PDB file of N, CA and C in Angstrom:
ATOM      1  N   UNK A   1     -19.184 107.357 -77.268  1.00  0.00           N
ATOM      2  CA  UNK A   1     -19.232 106.690 -75.993  1.00  0.00           C
ATOM      3  C   UNK A   1     -20.311 107.353 -75.171  1.00  0.00           C
ATOM      4  N   UNK A   2     -21.072 106.550 -74.487  1.00  0.00           N
ATOM      5  CA  UNK A   2     -22.093 107.060 -73.589  1.00  0.00           C
ATOM      6  C   UNK A   2     -21.873 106.443 -72.219  1.00  0.00           C
ATOM      7  N   UNK A   3     -21.855 107.291 -71.212  1.00  0.00           N
ATOM      8  CA  UNK A   3     -21.801 106.842 -69.826  1.00  0.00           C
ATOM      9  C   UNK A   3     -23.114 107.266 -69.206  1.00  0.00           C
ATOM     10  N   UNK A   4     -23.788 106.339 -68.539  1.00  0.00           N
ATOM     11  CA  UNK A   4     -25.124 106.687 -68.061  1.00  0.00           C
ATOM     12  C   UNK A   4     -25.440 106.099 -66.704  1.00  0.00           C
ATOM     13  N   UNK A   5     -26.376 106.774 -66.055  1.00  0.00           N
ATOM     14  CA  UNK A   5     -26.991 106.275 -64.836  1.00  0.00           C
ATOM     15  C   UNK A   5     -28.470 106.133 -65.149  1.00  0.00           C
ATOM     16  N   UNK A   6     -28.920 104.904 -65.296  1.00  0.00           N
ATOM     17  CA  UNK A   6     -30.318 104.649 -65.658  1.00  0.00           C
ATOM     18  C   UNK A   6     -31.210 104.905 -64.449  1.00  0.00           C
ATOM     19  N   UNK A   7     -32.346 105.571 -64.680  1.00  0.00           N
ATOM     20  CA  UNK A   7     -33.306 105.767 -63.595  1.00  0.00           C
ATOM     21  C   UNK A   7     -34.685 105.223 -63.937  1.00  0.00           C
ATOM     22  N   UNK A   8     -34.893 104.776 -65.175  1.00  0.00           N
ATOM     23  CA  UNK A   8     -36.149 104.135 -65.567  1.00  0.00           C
ATOM     24  C   UNK A   8     -35.807 102.987 -66.514  1.00  0.00           C
ATOM     25  N   UNK A   9     -35.740 101.783 -65.965  1.00  0.00           N
ATOM     26  CA  UNK A   9     -35.290 100.632 -66.755  1.00  0.00           C
ATOM     27  C   UNK A   9     -36.243 100.283 -67.883  1.00  0.00           C
ATOM     28  N   UNK A  10     -37.540 100.471 -67.681  1.00  0.00           N
ATOM     29  CA  UNK A  10     -38.507 100.178 -68.741  1.00  0.00           C
ATOM     30  C   UNK A  10     -38.325 101.135 -69.919  1.00  0.00           C
ATOM     31  N   UNK A  11     -38.195 102.419 -69.627  1.00  0.00           N
ATOM     32  CA  UNK A  11     -37.973 103.399 -70.698  1.00  0.00           C
ATOM     33  C   UNK A  11     -36.618 103.176 -71.359  1.00  0.00           C
ATOM     34  N   UNK A  12     -35.626 102.766 -70.559  1.00  0.00           N
ATOM     35  CA  UNK A  12     -34.313 102.523 -71.146  1.00  0.00           C
ATOM     36  C   UNK A  12     -34.362 101.342 -72.113  1.00  0.00           C
ATOM     37  N   UNK A  13     -35.138 100.332 -71.793  1.00  0.00           N
ATOM     38  CA  UNK A  13     -35.284  99.184 -72.700  1.00  0.00           C
ATOM     39  C   UNK A  13     -35.891  99.634 -74.028  1.00  0.00           C
ATOM     40  N   UNK A  14     -36.857 100.554 -73.984  1.00  0.00           N
ATOM     41  CA  UNK A  14     -37.450 101.097 -75.214  1.00  0.00           C
ATOM     42  C   UNK A  14     -36.399 101.865 -76.012  1.00  0.00           C
ATOM     43  N   UNK A  15     -35.623 102.701 -75.322  1.00  0.00           N
ATOM     44  CA  UNK A  15     -34.563 103.457 -75.992  1.00  0.00           C
ATOM     45  C   UNK A  15     -33.543 102.503 -76.617  1.00  0.00           C
ATOM     46  N   UNK A  16     -33.133 101.510 -75.857  1.00  0.00           N
ATOM     47  CA  UNK A  16     -32.122 100.578 -76.334  1.00  0.00           C
ATOM     48  C   UNK A  16     -32.581  99.879 -77.610  1.00  0.00           C
ATOM     49  N   UNK A  17     -33.829  99.453 -77.627  1.00  0.00           N
ATOM     50  CA  UNK A  17     -34.367  98.796 -78.826  1.00  0.00           C
ATOM     51  C   UNK A  17     -34.342  99.745 -80.018  1.00  0.00           C
ATOM     52  N   UNK A  18     -34.803 100.975 -79.832  1.00  0.00           N
ATOM     53  CA  UNK A  18     -34.812 101.963 -80.920  1.00  0.00           C
ATOM     54  C   UNK A  18     -33.388 102.335 -81.324  1.00  0.00           C
ATOM     55  N   UNK A  19     -32.507 102.466 -80.338  1.00  0.00           N
ATOM     56  CA  UNK A  19     -31.118 102.797 -80.629  1.00  0.00           C
ATOM     57  C   UNK A  19     -30.448 101.739 -81.488  1.00  0.00           C
ATOM     58  N   UNK A  20     -30.684 100.471 -81.161  1.00  0.00           N
ATOM     59  CA  UNK A  20     -30.086  99.400 -81.960  1.00  0.00           C
ATOM     60  C   UNK A  20     -30.696  99.337 -83.351  1.00  0.00           C
ATOM     61  N   UNK A  21     -31.991  99.595 -83.475  1.00  0.00           N
ATOM     62  CA  UNK A  21     -32.628  99.637 -84.800  1.00  0.00           C
ATOM     63  C   UNK A  21     -31.979 100.720 -85.654  1.00  0.00           C
ATOM     64  N   UNK A  22     -31.625 101.847 -85.031  1.00  0.00           N
ATOM     65  CA  UNK A  22     -31.023 102.955 -85.792  1.00  0.00           C
ATOM     66  C   UNK A  22     -29.660 102.584 -86.365  1.00  0.00           C
ATOM     67  N   UNK A  23     -29.053 101.532 -85.847  1.00  0.00           N
ATOM     68  CA  UNK A  23     -27.742 101.087 -86.341  1.00  0.00           C
ATOM     69  C   UNK A  23     -27.841 100.088 -87.492  1.00  0.00           C
ATOM     70  N   UNK A  24     -29.058  99.636 -87.810  1.00  0.00           N
ATOM     71  CA  UNK A  24     -29.232  98.684 -88.914  1.00  0.00           C
ATOM     72  C   UNK A  24     -28.652  99.247 -90.207  1.00  0.00           C
ATOM     73  N   UNK A  25     -27.820  98.457 -90.858  1.00  0.00           N
ATOM     74  CA  UNK A  25     -27.228  98.870 -92.121  1.00  0.00           C
ATOM     75  C   UNK A  25     -26.033  99.795 -91.973  1.00  0.00           C
ATOM     76  N   UNK A  26     -25.625 100.087 -90.740  1.00  0.00           N
ATOM     77  CA  UNK A  26     -24.492 100.984 -90.489  1.00  0.00           C
ATOM     78  C   UNK A  26     -23.284 100.129 -90.108  1.00  0.00           C
ATOM     79  N   UNK A  27     -22.157 100.387 -90.732  1.00  0.00           N
ATOM     80  CA  UNK A  27     -20.937  99.669 -90.375  1.00  0.00           C
ATOM     81  C   UNK A  27     -20.432 100.210 -89.042  1.00  0.00           C
ATOM     82  N   UNK A  28     -20.467  99.355 -88.015  1.00  0.00           N
ATOM     83  CA  UNK A  28     -19.996  99.780 -86.699  1.00  0.00           C
ATOM     84  C   UNK A  28     -19.804  98.557 -85.814  1.00  0.00           C
ATOM     85  N   UNK A  29     -19.144  98.771 -84.697  1.00  0.00           N
ATOM     86  CA  UNK A  29     -18.965  97.738 -83.680  1.00  0.00           C
ATOM     87  C   UNK A  29     -19.517  98.299 -82.381  1.00  0.00           C
ATOM     88  N   UNK A  30     -20.442  97.582 -81.757  1.00  0.00           N
ATOM     89  CA  UNK A  30     -21.063  98.033 -80.517  1.00  0.00           C
ATOM     90  C   UNK A  30     -20.474  97.248 -79.351  1.00  0.00           C
ATOM     91  N   UNK A  31     -20.000  97.985 -78.349  1.00  0.00           N
ATOM     92  CA  UNK A  31     -19.466  97.392 -77.129  1.00  0.00           C
ATOM     93  C   UNK A  31     -20.339  97.912 -75.993  1.00  0.00           C
ATOM     94  N   UNK A  32     -20.991  97.019 -75.284  1.00  0.00           N
ATOM     95  CA  UNK A  32     -21.910  97.411 -74.218  1.00  0.00           C
ATOM     96  C   UNK A  32     -21.376  96.882 -72.901  1.00  0.00           C
ATOM     97  N   UNK A  33     -21.347  97.745 -71.902  1.00  0.00           N
ATOM     98  CA  UNK A  33     -20.926  97.323 -70.579  1.00  0.00           C
ATOM     99  C   UNK A  33     -21.936  97.747 -69.534  1.00  0.00           C
ATOM    100  N   UNK A  34     -22.463  96.800 -68.795  1.00  0.00           N
ATOM    101  CA  UNK A  34     -23.457  97.130 -67.777  1.00  0.00           C
ATOM    102  C   UNK A  34     -22.822  97.515 -66.454  1.00  0.00           C
ATOM    103  N   UNK A  35     -21.578  97.194 -66.271  1.00  0.00           N
ATOM    104  CA  UNK A  35     -20.924  97.556 -65.026  1.00  0.00           C
ATOM    105  C   UNK A  35     -19.573  98.174 -65.314  1.00  0.00           C
ATOM    106  N   UNK A  36     -19.203  99.128 -64.513  1.00  0.00           N
ATOM    107  CA  UNK A  36     -17.879  99.721 -64.654  1.00  0.00           C
ATOM    108  C   UNK A  36     -17.191  99.657 -63.299  1.00  0.00           C
ATOM    109  N   UNK A  37     -15.888  99.583 -63.301  1.00  0.00           N
ATOM    110  CA  UNK A  37     -15.116  99.597 -62.070  1.00  0.00           C
ATOM    111  C   UNK A  37     -14.442 100.953 -61.960  1.00  0.00           C
ATOM    112  N   UNK A  38     -14.799 101.687 -60.939  1.00  0.00           N
ATOM    113  CA  UNK A  38     -14.246 103.015 -60.719  1.00  0.00           C
ATOM    114  C   UNK A  38     -12.866 102.897 -60.088  1.00  0.00           C
ATOM    115  N   UNK A  39     -11.874 103.452 -60.739  1.00  0.00           N
ATOM    116  CA  UNK A  39     -10.520 103.433 -60.204  1.00  0.00           C
ATOM    117  C   UNK A  39     -10.172 104.736 -59.503  1.00  0.00           C
ATOM    118  N   UNK A  40     -10.709 105.860 -59.988  1.00  0.00           N
ATOM    119  CA  UNK A  40     -10.450 107.163 -59.381  1.00  0.00           C
ATOM    120  C   UNK A  40     -11.626 108.089 -59.631  1.00  0.00           C
ATOM    121  N   UNK A  41     -11.791 109.082 -58.780  1.00  0.00           N
ATOM    122  CA  UNK A  41     -12.786 110.124 -58.999  1.00  0.00           C
ATOM    123  C   UNK A  41     -14.203 109.704 -58.659  1.00  0.00           C
ATOM    124  N   UNK A  42     -15.145 110.553 -59.056  1.00  0.00           N
ATOM    125  CA  UNK A  42     -16.564 110.312 -58.799  1.00  0.00           C
ATOM    126  C   UNK A  42     -17.135 109.407 -59.884  1.00  0.00           C
ATOM    127  N   UNK A  43     -18.041 108.509 -59.521  1.00  0.00           N
ATOM    128  CA  UNK A  43     -18.610 107.617 -60.537  1.00  0.00           C
ATOM    129  C   UNK A  43     -19.458 108.383 -61.543  1.00  0.00           C
ATOM    130  N   UNK A  44     -19.192 108.220 -62.838  1.00  0.00           N
ATOM    131  CA  UNK A  44     -19.955 108.934 -63.863  1.00  0.00           C
ATOM    132  C   UNK A  44     -21.286 108.263 -64.180  1.00  0.00           C
ATOM    133  N   UNK A  45     -21.451 107.027 -63.778  1.00  0.00           N
ATOM    134  CA  UNK A  45     -22.661 106.274 -64.077  1.00  0.00           C
ATOM    135  C   UNK A  45     -22.395 104.800 -63.873  1.00  0.00           C
ATOM    136  N   UNK A  46     -23.386 103.988 -64.180  1.00  0.00           N
ATOM    137  CA  UNK A  46     -23.241 102.557 -63.944  1.00  0.00           C
ATOM    138  C   UNK A  46     -23.114 101.745 -65.229  1.00  0.00           C
ATOM    139  N   UNK A  47     -23.329 102.377 -66.368  1.00  0.00           N
ATOM    140  CA  UNK A  47     -23.264 101.669 -67.651  1.00  0.00           C
ATOM    141  C   UNK A  47     -22.472 102.483 -68.663  1.00  0.00           C
ATOM    142  N   UNK A  48     -21.799 101.772 -69.541  1.00  0.00           N
ATOM    143  CA  UNK A  48     -21.023 102.409 -70.601  1.00  0.00           C
ATOM    144  C   UNK A  48     -21.362 101.720 -71.919  1.00  0.00           C
ATOM    145  N   UNK A  49     -21.570 102.509 -72.964  1.00  0.00           N
ATOM    146  CA  UNK A  49     -21.761 101.975 -74.310  1.00  0.00           C
ATOM    147  C   UNK A  49     -20.750 102.657 -75.218  1.00  0.00           C
ATOM    148  N   UNK A  50     -20.001 101.874 -75.959  1.00  0.00           N
ATOM    149  CA  UNK A  50     -19.038 102.407 -76.920  1.00  0.00           C
ATOM    150  C   UNK A  50     -19.411 101.861 -78.288  1.00  0.00           C
ATOM    151  N   UNK A  51     -19.497 102.758 -79.271  1.00  0.00           N
ATOM    152  CA  UNK A  51     -19.769 102.356 -80.651  1.00  0.00           C
ATOM    153  C   UNK A  51     -18.601 102.835 -81.501  1.00  0.00           C
ATOM    154  N   UNK A  52     -17.953 101.909 -82.193  1.00  0.00           N
ATOM    155  CA  UNK A  52     -16.822 102.254 -83.064  1.00  0.00           C
ATOM    156  C   UNK A  52     -17.320 102.296 -84.505  1.00  0.00           C
ATOM    157  N   UNK A  53     -17.088 103.437 -85.159  1.00  0.00           N
ATOM    158  CA  UNK A  53     -17.463 103.630 -86.557  1.00  0.00           C
ATOM    159  C   UNK A  53     -16.200 103.662 -87.403  1.00  0.00           C
ATOM    160  N   UNK A  54     -16.312 103.403 -88.710  1.00  0.00           N
ATOM    161  CA  UNK A  54     -15.121 103.402 -89.556  1.00  0.00           C
ATOM    162  C   UNK A  54     -14.484 104.779 -89.695  1.00  0.00           C
ATOM    163  N   UNK A  55     -15.281 105.836 -89.541  1.00  0.00           N
ATOM    164  CA  UNK A  55     -14.739 107.195 -89.621  1.00  0.00           C
ATOM    165  C   UNK A  55     -15.723 108.168 -88.970  1.00  0.00           C
ATOM    166  N   UNK A  56     -15.279 109.402 -88.813  1.00  0.00           N
ATOM    167  CA  UNK A  56     -16.073 110.431 -88.142  1.00  0.00           C
ATOM    168  C   UNK A  56     -17.362 110.743 -88.891  1.00  0.00           C
ATOM    169  N   UNK A  57     -17.286 110.789 -90.215  1.00  0.00           N
ATOM    170  CA  UNK A  57     -18.482 111.088 -91.007  1.00  0.00           C
ATOM    171  C   UNK A  57     -19.566 110.039 -90.781  1.00  0.00           C
ATOM    172  N   UNK A  58     -19.181 108.775 -90.712  1.00  0.00           N
ATOM    173  CA  UNK A  58     -20.154 107.706 -90.476  1.00  0.00           C
ATOM    174  C   UNK A  58     -20.807 107.870 -89.107  1.00  0.00           C
ATOM    175  N   UNK A  59     -20.015 108.227 -88.112  1.00  0.00           N
ATOM    176  CA  UNK A  59     -20.560 108.438 -86.765  1.00  0.00           C
ATOM    177  C   UNK A  59     -21.570 109.576 -86.761  1.00  0.00           C
ATOM    178  N   UNK A  60     -21.244 110.668 -87.417  1.00  0.00           N
ATOM    179  CA  UNK A  60     -22.151 111.816 -87.434  1.00  0.00           C
ATOM    180  C   UNK A  60     -23.388 111.540 -88.281  1.00  0.00           C
ATOM    181  N   UNK A  61     -23.259 110.782 -89.371  1.00  0.00           N
ATOM    182  CA  UNK A  61     -24.445 110.406 -90.162  1.00  0.00           C
ATOM    183  C   UNK A  61     -25.412 109.598 -89.305  1.00  0.00           C
ATOM    184  N   UNK A  62     -24.869 108.661 -88.531  1.00  0.00           N
ATOM    185  CA  UNK A  62     -25.731 107.876 -87.648  1.00  0.00           C
ATOM    186  C   UNK A  62     -26.376 108.769 -86.588  1.00  0.00           C
ATOM    187  N   UNK A  63     -25.561 109.576 -85.903  1.00  0.00           N
ATOM    188  CA  UNK A  63     -26.093 110.408 -84.813  1.00  0.00           C
ATOM    189  C   UNK A  63     -27.179 111.354 -85.320  1.00  0.00           C
ATOM    190  N   UNK A  64     -26.997 111.895 -86.493  1.00  0.00           N
ATOM    191  CA  UNK A  64     -27.962 112.857 -87.060  1.00  0.00           C
ATOM    192  C   UNK A  64     -29.101 112.181 -87.821  1.00  0.00           C
ATOM    193  N   UNK A  65     -29.059 110.860 -87.929  1.00  0.00           N
ATOM    194  CA  UNK A  65     -30.090 110.148 -88.689  1.00  0.00           C
ATOM    195  C   UNK A  65     -31.458 110.329 -88.038  1.00  0.00           C
ATOM    196  N   UNK A  66     -32.475 110.278 -88.870  1.00  0.00           N
ATOM    197  CA  UNK A  66     -33.848 110.405 -88.369  1.00  0.00           C
ATOM    198  C   UNK A  66     -34.147 109.315 -87.339  1.00  0.00           C
ATOM    199  N   UNK A  67     -33.679 108.102 -87.605  1.00  0.00           N
ATOM    200  CA  UNK A  67     -33.943 106.984 -86.692  1.00  0.00           C
ATOM    201  C   UNK A  67     -33.347 107.238 -85.312  1.00  0.00           C
ATOM    202  N   UNK A  68     -32.089 107.732 -85.253  1.00  0.00           N
ATOM    203  CA  UNK A  68     -31.497 107.956 -83.932  1.00  0.00           C
ATOM    204  C   UNK A  68     -32.059 109.209 -83.277  1.00  0.00           C
ATOM    205  N   UNK A  69     -32.356 110.219 -84.044  1.00  0.00           N
ATOM    206  CA  UNK A  69     -32.939 111.430 -83.463  1.00  0.00           C
ATOM    207  C   UNK A  69     -34.253 111.116 -82.749  1.00  0.00           C
ATOM    208  N   UNK A  70     -35.006 110.139 -83.257  1.00  0.00           N
ATOM    209  CA  UNK A  70     -36.247 109.722 -82.591  1.00  0.00           C
ATOM    210  C   UNK A  70     -35.956 109.037 -81.256  1.00  0.00           C
ATOM    211  N   UNK A  71     -34.793 108.414 -81.135  1.00  0.00           N
ATOM    212  CA  UNK A  71     -34.441 107.687 -79.916  1.00  0.00           C
ATOM    213  C   UNK A  71     -33.905 108.595 -78.813  1.00  0.00           C
ATOM    214  N   UNK A  72     -33.354 109.733 -79.166  1.00  0.00           N
ATOM    215  CA  UNK A  72     -32.711 110.600 -78.177  1.00  0.00           C
ATOM    216  C   UNK A  72     -33.645 111.001 -77.039  1.00  0.00           C
ATOM    217  N   UNK A  73     -34.888 111.446 -77.299  1.00  0.00           N
ATOM    218  CA  UNK A  73     -35.769 111.788 -76.171  1.00  0.00           C
ATOM    219  C   UNK A  73     -36.021 110.603 -75.233  1.00  0.00           C
ATOM    220  N   UNK A  74     -36.021 109.388 -75.780  1.00  0.00           N
ATOM    221  CA  UNK A  74     -36.182 108.195 -74.940  1.00  0.00           C
ATOM    222  C   UNK A  74     -34.996 108.056 -73.987  1.00  0.00           C
ATOM    223  N   UNK A  75     -33.785 108.299 -74.516  1.00  0.00           N
ATOM    224  CA  UNK A  75     -32.575 108.218 -73.675  1.00  0.00           C
ATOM    225  C   UNK A  75     -32.633 109.260 -72.581  1.00  0.00           C
ATOM    226  N   UNK A  76     -33.019 110.481 -72.931  1.00  0.00           N
ATOM    227  CA  UNK A  76     -33.099 111.550 -71.938  1.00  0.00           C
ATOM    228  C   UNK A  76     -34.108 111.226 -70.842  1.00  0.00           C
ATOM    229  N   UNK A  77     -35.221 110.579 -71.209  1.00  0.00           N
ATOM    230  CA  UNK A  77     -36.260 110.237 -70.233  1.00  0.00           C
ATOM    231  C   UNK A  77     -35.850 109.071 -69.336  1.00  0.00           C
ATOM    232  N   UNK A  78     -34.938 108.232 -69.815  1.00  0.00           N
ATOM    233  CA  UNK A  78     -34.609 107.000 -69.105  1.00  0.00           C
ATOM    234  C   UNK A  78     -33.348 107.065 -68.260  1.00  0.00           C
ATOM    235  N   UNK A  79     -32.443 107.997 -68.572  1.00  0.00           N
ATOM    236  CA  UNK A  79     -31.142 107.975 -67.906  1.00  0.00           C
ATOM    237  C   UNK A  79     -30.488 109.351 -67.935  1.00  0.00           C
ATOM    238  N   UNK A  80     -29.608 109.564 -66.970  1.00  0.00           N
ATOM    239  CA  UNK A  80     -28.718 110.726 -67.011  1.00  0.00           C
ATOM    240  C   UNK A  80     -27.488 110.261 -67.771  1.00  0.00           C
ATOM    241  N   UNK A  81     -27.143 110.974 -68.834  1.00  0.00           N
ATOM    242  CA  UNK A  81     -26.072 110.489 -69.700  1.00  0.00           C
ATOM    243  C   UNK A  81     -25.062 111.568 -70.046  1.00  0.00           C
ATOM    244  N   UNK A  82     -23.859 111.111 -70.335  1.00  0.00           N
ATOM    245  CA  UNK A  82     -22.838 111.913 -71.004  1.00  0.00           C
ATOM    246  C   UNK A  82     -22.594 111.188 -72.321  1.00  0.00           C
ATOM    247  N   UNK A  83     -22.723 111.894 -73.427  1.00  0.00           N
ATOM    248  CA  UNK A  83     -22.614 111.293 -74.756  1.00  0.00           C
ATOM    249  C   UNK A  83     -21.442 111.969 -75.442  1.00  0.00           C
ATOM    250  N   UNK A  84     -20.402 111.206 -75.764  1.00  0.00           N
ATOM    251  CA  UNK A  84     -19.142 111.767 -76.249  1.00  0.00           C
ATOM    252  C   UNK A  84     -18.759 111.123 -77.573  1.00  0.00           C
ATOM    253  N   UNK A  85     -18.271 111.930 -78.506  1.00  0.00           N
ATOM    254  CA  UNK A  85     -17.740 111.409 -79.759  1.00  0.00           C
ATOM    255  C   UNK A  85     -16.262 111.760 -79.821  1.00  0.00           C
ATOM    256  N   UNK A  86     -15.423 110.750 -79.987  1.00  0.00           N
ATOM    257  CA  UNK A  86     -13.982 110.964 -80.115  1.00  0.00           C
ATOM    258  C   UNK A  86     -13.653 111.034 -81.595  1.00  0.00           C
ATOM    259  N   UNK A  87     -13.171 112.173 -82.047  1.00  0.00           N
ATOM    260  CA  UNK A  87     -12.802 112.348 -83.446  1.00  0.00           C
ATOM    261  C   UNK A  87     -11.363 111.925 -83.658  1.00  0.00           C
ATOM    262  N   UNK A  88     -11.137 111.255 -84.769  1.00  0.00           N
ATOM    263  CA  UNK A  88      -9.785 110.871 -85.154  1.00  0.00           C
ATOM    264  C   UNK A  88      -9.354 111.754 -86.317  1.00  0.00           C
ATOM    265  N   UNK A  89      -8.207 111.476 -86.887  1.00  0.00           N
ATOM    266  CA  UNK A  89      -7.698 112.288 -87.994  1.00  0.00           C
ATOM    267  C   UNK A  89      -8.449 112.062 -89.298  1.00  0.00           C
ATOM    268  N   UNK A  90      -9.235 110.998 -89.397  1.00  0.00           N
ATOM    269  CA  UNK A  90      -9.903 110.674 -90.666  1.00  0.00           C
ATOM    270  C   UNK A  90     -11.271 111.343 -90.744  1.00  0.00           C
ATOM    271  N   UNK A  91     -11.304 112.596 -91.087  1.00  0.00           N
ATOM    272  CA  UNK A  91     -12.558 113.361 -91.120  1.00  0.00           C
ATOM    273  C   UNK A  91     -13.348 113.079 -92.323  1.00  0.00           C
TER     274      UNK A  91
END
């Protein structure tokens, strides 16, 4: 899951394109939300992206892939982000 506050929409569009390319051939479900409704606390950002993988190993293979590693600097340049991986029992 990534929660972000975009500060450069043009750079974010480049990151988004590269990020989606990195998912080609990977079994996953992408859920993208451009708006969030804050119920409590300080707002963490304005956009949320959740990617569901079949297992933890698949998630880490994608994250560590050469294709996604190339996209990470684009994300850092385009937005302030919190990037979280929720591990389940299926390691």
